[in-house]
Amino acid sequence: MFFASRERDEEENKLREELRQEWARKQNASKEEEIEITFNYWDGSGPSSECYNEERFFRDVEKF
């Protein structure tokens, strides 16, 4: 049988808040992390090309 307990509820709420804050910190850290995306495309003229610069990638895509 389960009986309500104020102490248990307070401990659970404290743990939930700590976990929420930890999750929020990790989310903010991952949002600040810089990522590099390598575009790989094929223009039909030969082997596929890798492009590390997104401006160059989109400029080349506009040719088609």
PDB file of N, CA and C in Angstrom:
ATOM      1  N   MET A   1       0.836  -1.174   0.000  1.00  0.00           N
ATOM      2  CA  MET A   1       0.000   0.000   0.000  1.00  0.00           C
ATOM      3  C   MET A   1       0.884   1.241   0.000  1.00  0.00           C
ATOM      4  N   PHE A   2       0.468   2.268  -0.708  1.00  0.00           N
ATOM      5  CA  PHE A   2       1.259   3.492  -0.839  1.00  0.00           C
ATOM      6  C   PHE A   2       0.578   4.614  -0.064  1.00  0.00           C
ATOM      7  N   PHE A   3       1.354   5.226   0.831  1.00  0.00           N
ATOM      8  CA  PHE A   3       0.855   6.370   1.581  1.00  0.00           C
ATOM      9  C   PHE A   3       1.662   7.600   1.193  1.00  0.00           C
ATOM     10  N   ALA A   4       0.982   8.709   1.061  1.00  0.00           N
ATOM     11  CA  ALA A   4       1.667   9.955   0.710  1.00  0.00           C
ATOM     12  C   ALA A   4       2.628  10.352   1.822  1.00  0.00           C
ATOM     13  N   SER A   5       3.745  10.907   1.410  1.00  0.00           N
ATOM     14  CA  SER A   5       4.744  11.352   2.367  1.00  0.00           C
ATOM     15  C   SER A   5       5.285  12.695   1.902  1.00  0.00           C
ATOM     16  N   ARG A   6       5.145  13.676   2.760  1.00  0.00           N
ATOM     17  CA  ARG A   6       5.618  15.018   2.416  1.00  0.00           C
ATOM     18  C   ARG A   6       7.128  15.011   2.182  1.00  0.00           C
ATOM     19  N   GLU A   7       7.869  14.311   3.031  1.00  0.00           N
ATOM     20  CA  GLU A   7       9.331  14.262   2.890  1.00  0.00           C
ATOM     21  C   GLU A   7       9.730  13.620   1.562  1.00  0.00           C
ATOM     22  N   ARG A   8       9.079  12.510   1.232  1.00  0.00           N
ATOM     23  CA  ARG A   8       9.388  11.815  -0.016  1.00  0.00           C
ATOM     24  C   ARG A   8       9.044  12.714  -1.213  1.00  0.00           C
ATOM     25  N   ASP A   9       7.902  13.395  -1.125  1.00  0.00           N
ATOM     26  CA  ASP A   9       7.511  14.303  -2.209  1.00  0.00           C
ATOM     27  C   ASP A   9       8.508  15.445  -2.365  1.00  0.00           C
ATOM     28  N   GLU A  10       8.979  16.005  -1.254  1.00  0.00           N
ATOM     29  CA  GLU A  10       9.957  17.092  -1.308  1.00  0.00           C
ATOM     30  C   GLU A  10      11.275  16.609  -1.912  1.00  0.00           C
ATOM     31  N   GLU A  11      11.711  15.410  -1.515  1.00  0.00           N
ATOM     32  CA  GLU A  11      12.951  14.851  -2.072  1.00  0.00           C
ATOM     33  C   GLU A  11      12.803  14.612  -3.573  1.00  0.00           C
ATOM     34  N   GLU A  12      11.658  14.078  -3.962  1.00  0.00           N
ATOM     35  CA  GLU A  12      11.423  13.817  -5.383  1.00  0.00           C
ATOM     36  C   GLU A  12      11.397  15.124  -6.175  1.00  0.00           C
ATOM     37  N   ASN A  13      10.737  16.132  -5.643  1.00  0.00           N
ATOM     38  CA  ASN A  13      10.683  17.427  -6.326  1.00  0.00           C
ATOM     39  C   ASN A  13      12.062  18.068  -6.423  1.00  0.00           C
ATOM     40  N   LYS A  14      12.862  17.926  -5.359  1.00  0.00           N
ATOM     41  CA  LYS A  14      14.231  18.461  -5.376  1.00  0.00           C
ATOM     42  C   LYS A  14      15.056  17.754  -6.454  1.00  0.00           C
ATOM     43  N   LEU A  15      14.942  16.430  -6.513  1.00  0.00           N
ATOM     44  CA  LEU A  15      15.670  15.657  -7.520  1.00  0.00           C
ATOM     45  C   LEU A  15      15.216  16.041  -8.927  1.00  0.00           C
ATOM     46  N   ARG A  16      13.913  16.190  -9.117  1.00  0.00           N
ATOM     47  CA  ARG A  16      13.392  16.594 -10.427  1.00  0.00           C
ATOM     48  C   ARG A  16      13.948  17.949 -10.843  1.00  0.00           C
ATOM     49  N   GLU A  17      14.013  18.898  -9.903  1.00  0.00           N
ATOM     50  CA  GLU A  17      14.532  20.231 -10.215  1.00  0.00           C
ATOM     51  C   GLU A  17      16.020  20.172 -10.554  1.00  0.00           C
ATOM     52  N   GLU A  18      16.787  19.367  -9.812  1.00  0.00           N
ATOM     53  CA  GLU A  18      18.215  19.215 -10.112  1.00  0.00           C
ATOM     54  C   GLU A  18      18.411  18.617 -11.504  1.00  0.00           C
ATOM     55  N   LEU A  19      17.621  17.612 -11.833  1.00  0.00           N
ATOM     56  CA  LEU A  19      17.727  16.991 -13.152  1.00  0.00           C
ATOM     57  C   LEU A  19      17.304  17.960 -14.256  1.00  0.00           C
ATOM     58  N   ARG A  20      16.267  18.761 -14.003  1.00  0.00           N
ATOM     59  CA  ARG A  20      15.824  19.753 -14.982  1.00  0.00           C
ATOM     60  C   ARG A  20      16.925  20.775 -15.245  1.00  0.00           C
ATOM     61  N   GLN A  21      17.586  21.243 -14.169  1.00  0.00           N
ATOM     62  CA  GLN A  21      18.666  22.218 -14.324  1.00  0.00           C
ATOM     63  C   GLN A  21      19.855  21.613 -15.067  1.00  0.00           C
ATOM     64  N   GLU A  22      20.193  20.365 -14.746  1.00  0.00           N
ATOM     65  CA  GLU A  22      21.287  19.688 -15.449  1.00  0.00           C
ATOM     66  C   GLU A  22      20.960  19.557 -16.932  1.00  0.00           C
ATOM     67  N   TRP A  23      19.728  19.167 -17.250  1.00  0.00           N
ATOM     68  CA  TRP A  23      19.292  19.036 -18.643  1.00  0.00           C
ATOM     69  C   TRP A  23      19.389  20.387 -19.356  1.00  0.00           C
ATOM     70  N   ALA A  24      18.946  21.460 -18.686  1.00  0.00           N
ATOM     71  CA  ALA A  24      18.992  22.797 -19.283  1.00  0.00           C
ATOM     72  C   ALA A  24      20.442  23.213 -19.551  1.00  0.00           C
ATOM     73  N   ARG A  25      21.356  22.923 -18.617  1.00  0.00           N
ATOM     74  CA  ARG A  25      22.777  23.253 -18.831  1.00  0.00           C
ATOM     75  C   ARG A  25      23.335  22.511 -20.041  1.00  0.00           C
ATOM     76  N   LYS A  26      23.013  21.230 -20.147  1.00  0.00           N
ATOM     77  CA  LYS A  26      23.509  20.433 -21.274  1.00  0.00           C
ATOM     78  C   LYS A  26      22.921  20.930 -22.589  1.00  0.00           C
ATOM     79  N   GLN A  27      21.653  21.315 -22.585  1.00  0.00           N
ATOM     80  CA  GLN A  27      21.029  21.847 -23.799  1.00  0.00           C
ATOM     81  C   GLN A  27      21.713  23.129 -24.237  1.00  0.00           C
ATOM     82  N   ASN A  28      21.960  24.031 -23.287  1.00  0.00           N
ATOM     83  CA  ASN A  28      22.611  25.292 -23.624  1.00  0.00           C
ATOM     84  C   ASN A  28      24.029  25.062 -24.129  1.00  0.00           C
ATOM     85  N   ALA A  29      24.744  24.125 -23.517  1.00  0.00           N
ATOM     86  CA  ALA A  29      26.106  23.823 -23.953  1.00  0.00           C
ATOM     87  C   ALA A  29      26.099  23.272 -25.370  1.00  0.00           C
ATOM     88  N   SER A  30      25.154  22.393 -25.687  1.00  0.00           N
ATOM     89  CA  SER A  30      25.122  21.816 -27.028  1.00  0.00           C
ATOM     90  C   SER A  30      24.697  22.859 -28.067  1.00  0.00           C
ATOM     91  N   LYS A  31      23.872  23.824 -27.685  1.00  0.00           N
ATOM     92  CA  LYS A  31      23.467  24.872 -28.616  1.00  0.00           C
ATOM     93  C   LYS A  31      24.631  25.797 -28.945  1.00  0.00           C
ATOM     94  N   GLU A  32      25.559  25.954 -28.016  1.00  0.00           N
ATOM     95  CA  GLU A  32      26.724  26.817 -28.224  1.00  0.00           C
ATOM     96  C   GLU A  32      27.840  26.106 -28.986  1.00  0.00           C
ATOM     97  N   GLU A  33      27.759  24.782 -29.081  1.00  0.00           N
ATOM     98  CA  GLU A  33      28.811  23.995 -29.728  1.00  0.00           C
ATOM     99  C   GLU A  33      28.790  24.224 -31.235  1.00  0.00           C
ATOM    100  N   GLU A  34      29.959  24.482 -31.781  1.00  0.00           N
ATOM    101  CA  GLU A  34      30.071  24.681 -33.222  1.00  0.00           C
ATOM    102  C   GLU A  34      30.278  23.337 -33.899  1.00  0.00           C
ATOM    103  N   ILE A  35      29.541  23.114 -34.965  1.00  0.00           N
ATOM    104  CA  ILE A  35      29.682  21.862 -35.696  1.00  0.00           C
ATOM    105  C   ILE A  35      30.127  22.170 -37.120  1.00  0.00           C
ATOM    106  N   GLU A  36      30.777  21.214 -37.731  1.00  0.00           N
ATOM    107  CA  GLU A  36      31.214  21.357 -39.114  1.00  0.00           C
ATOM    108  C   GLU A  36      30.486  20.305 -39.937  1.00  0.00           C
ATOM    109  N   ILE A  37      29.864  20.760 -41.001  1.00  0.00           N
ATOM    110  CA  ILE A  37      29.123  19.858 -41.875  1.00  0.00           C
ATOM    111  C   ILE A  37      29.838  19.795 -43.216  1.00  0.00           C
ATOM    112  N   THR A  38      30.156  18.607 -43.657  1.00  0.00           N
ATOM    113  CA  THR A  38      30.787  18.401 -44.949  1.00  0.00           C
ATOM    114  C   THR A  38      29.707  18.027 -45.953  1.00  0.00           C
ATOM    115  N   PHE A  39      29.621  18.798 -47.013  1.00  0.00           N
ATOM    116  CA  PHE A  39      28.643  18.517 -48.062  1.00  0.00           C
ATOM    117  C   PHE A  39      29.312  17.648 -49.115  1.00  0.00           C
ATOM    118  N   ASN A  40      28.641  16.617 -49.534  1.00  0.00           N
ATOM    119  CA  ASN A  40      29.140  15.752 -50.579  1.00  0.00           C
ATOM    120  C   ASN A  40      28.088  15.746 -51.684  1.00  0.00           C
ATOM    121  N   TYR A  41      28.507  16.117 -52.886  1.00  0.00           N
ATOM    122  CA  TYR A  41      27.542  16.201 -53.974  1.00  0.00           C
ATOM    123  C   TYR A  41      28.168  15.695 -55.260  1.00  0.00           C
ATOM    124  N   TRP A  42      27.346  15.404 -56.229  1.00  0.00           N
ATOM    125  CA  TRP A  42      27.817  14.946 -57.519  1.00  0.00           C
ATOM    126  C   TRP A  42      27.165  15.797 -58.590  1.00  0.00           C
ATOM    127  N   ASP A  43      27.991  16.418 -59.431  1.00  0.00           N
ATOM    128  CA  ASP A  43      27.448  17.295 -60.473  1.00  0.00           C
ATOM    129  C   ASP A  43      27.294  16.576 -61.809  1.00  0.00           C
ATOM    130  N   GLY A  44      27.553  15.266 -61.840  1.00  0.00           N
ATOM    131  CA  GLY A  44      27.367  14.479 -63.037  1.00  0.00           C
ATOM    132  C   GLY A  44      28.564  14.466 -63.965  1.00  0.00           C
ATOM    133  N   SER A  45      29.601  15.225 -63.670  1.00  0.00           N
ATOM    134  CA  SER A  45      30.733  15.334 -64.588  1.00  0.00           C
ATOM    135  C   SER A  45      31.886  14.414 -64.243  1.00  0.00           C
ATOM    136  N   GLY A  46      31.868  13.775 -63.114  1.00  0.00           N
ATOM    137  CA  GLY A  46      32.983  12.920 -62.716  1.00  0.00           C
ATOM    138  C   GLY A  46      32.717  12.390 -61.328  1.00  0.00           C
ATOM    139  N   PRO A  47      33.793  12.137 -60.578  1.00  0.00           N
ATOM    140  CA  PRO A  47      33.585  11.650 -59.212  1.00  0.00           C
ATOM    141  C   PRO A  47      32.914  12.716 -58.346  1.00  0.00           C
ATOM    142  N   SER A  48      32.308  12.275 -57.259  1.00  0.00           N
ATOM    143  CA  SER A  48      31.646  13.224 -56.363  1.00  0.00           C
ATOM    144  C   SER A  48      32.682  14.152 -55.747  1.00  0.00           C
ATOM    145  N   SER A  49      32.233  15.298 -55.333  1.00  0.00           N
ATOM    146  CA  SER A  49      33.108  16.316 -54.761  1.00  0.00           C
ATOM    147  C   SER A  49      32.712  16.573 -53.324  1.00  0.00           C
ATOM    148  N   GLU A  50      33.722  16.820 -52.495  1.00  0.00           N
ATOM    149  CA  GLU A  50      33.455  17.227 -51.128  1.00  0.00           C
ATOM    150  C   GLU A  50      33.636  18.721 -51.046  1.00  0.00           C
ATOM    151  N   CYS A  51      32.783  19.349 -50.297  1.00  0.00           N
ATOM    152  CA  CYS A  51      32.840  20.792 -50.158  1.00  0.00           C
ATOM    153  C   CYS A  51      32.776  21.120 -48.676  1.00  0.00           C
ATOM    154  N   TYR A  52      33.793  21.792 -48.152  1.00  0.00           N
ATOM    155  CA  TYR A  52      33.835  22.115 -46.735  1.00  0.00           C
ATOM    156  C   TYR A  52      33.289  23.511 -46.463  1.00  0.00           C
ATOM    157  N   ASN A  53      33.017  24.266 -47.494  1.00  0.00           N
ATOM    158  CA  ASN A  53      32.551  25.629 -47.332  1.00  0.00           C
ATOM    159  C   ASN A  53      31.120  25.710 -47.827  1.00  0.00           C
ATOM    160  N   GLU A  54      30.183  26.004 -46.933  1.00  0.00           N
ATOM    161  CA  GLU A  54      28.779  25.968 -47.335  1.00  0.00           C
ATOM    162  C   GLU A  54      28.459  27.032 -48.376  1.00  0.00           C
ATOM    163  N   GLU A  55      29.149  28.191 -48.343  1.00  0.00           N
ATOM    164  CA  GLU A  55      28.898  29.215 -49.361  1.00  0.00           C
ATOM    165  C   GLU A  55      29.263  28.674 -50.748  1.00  0.00           C
ATOM    166  N   ARG A  56      30.406  27.995 -50.824  1.00  0.00           N
ATOM    167  CA  ARG A  56      30.823  27.412 -52.104  1.00  0.00           C
ATOM    168  C   ARG A  56      29.834  26.342 -52.537  1.00  0.00           C
ATOM    169  N   PHE A  57      29.367  25.552 -51.597  1.00  0.00           N
ATOM    170  CA  PHE A  57      28.407  24.498 -51.916  1.00  0.00           C
ATOM    171  C   PHE A  57      27.149  25.093 -52.535  1.00  0.00           C
ATOM    172  N   PHE A  58      26.572  26.082 -51.863  1.00  0.00           N
ATOM    173  CA  PHE A  58      25.330  26.653 -52.370  1.00  0.00           C
ATOM    174  C   PHE A  58      25.559  27.424 -53.676  1.00  0.00           C
ATOM    175  N   ARG A  59      26.725  28.028 -53.840  1.00  0.00           N
ATOM    176  CA  ARG A  59      27.051  28.704 -55.098  1.00  0.00           C
ATOM    177  C   ARG A  59      27.109  27.676 -56.231  1.00  0.00           C
ATOM    178  N   ASP A  60      27.745  26.522 -55.975  1.00  0.00           N
ATOM    179  CA  ASP A  60      27.842  25.479 -56.998  1.00  0.00           C
ATOM    180  C   ASP A  60      26.468  24.881 -57.286  1.00  0.00           C
ATOM    181  N   VAL A  61      25.631  24.732 -56.269  1.00  0.00           N
ATOM    182  CA  VAL A  61      24.310  24.175 -56.472  1.00  0.00           C
ATOM    183  C   VAL A  61      23.464  25.110 -57.354  1.00  0.00           C
ATOM    184  N   GLU A  62      23.653  26.414 -57.192  1.00  0.00           N
ATOM    185  CA  GLU A  62      22.886  27.367 -57.980  1.00  0.00           C
ATOM    186  C   GLU A  62      23.202  27.275 -59.478  1.00  0.00           C
ATOM    187  N   LYS A  63      24.358  26.729 -59.832  1.00  0.00           N
ATOM    188  CA  LYS A  63      24.717  26.572 -61.246  1.00  0.00           C
ATOM    189  C   LYS A  63      23.744  25.646 -61.952  1.00  0.00           C
ATOM    190  N   PHE A  64      23.179  24.713 -61.221  1.00  0.00           N
ATOM    191  CA  PHE A  64      22.316  23.710 -61.821  1.00  0.00           C
ATOM    192  C   PHE A  64      20.921  24.247 -61.828  1.00  0.00           C
TER     193      PHE A  64
END
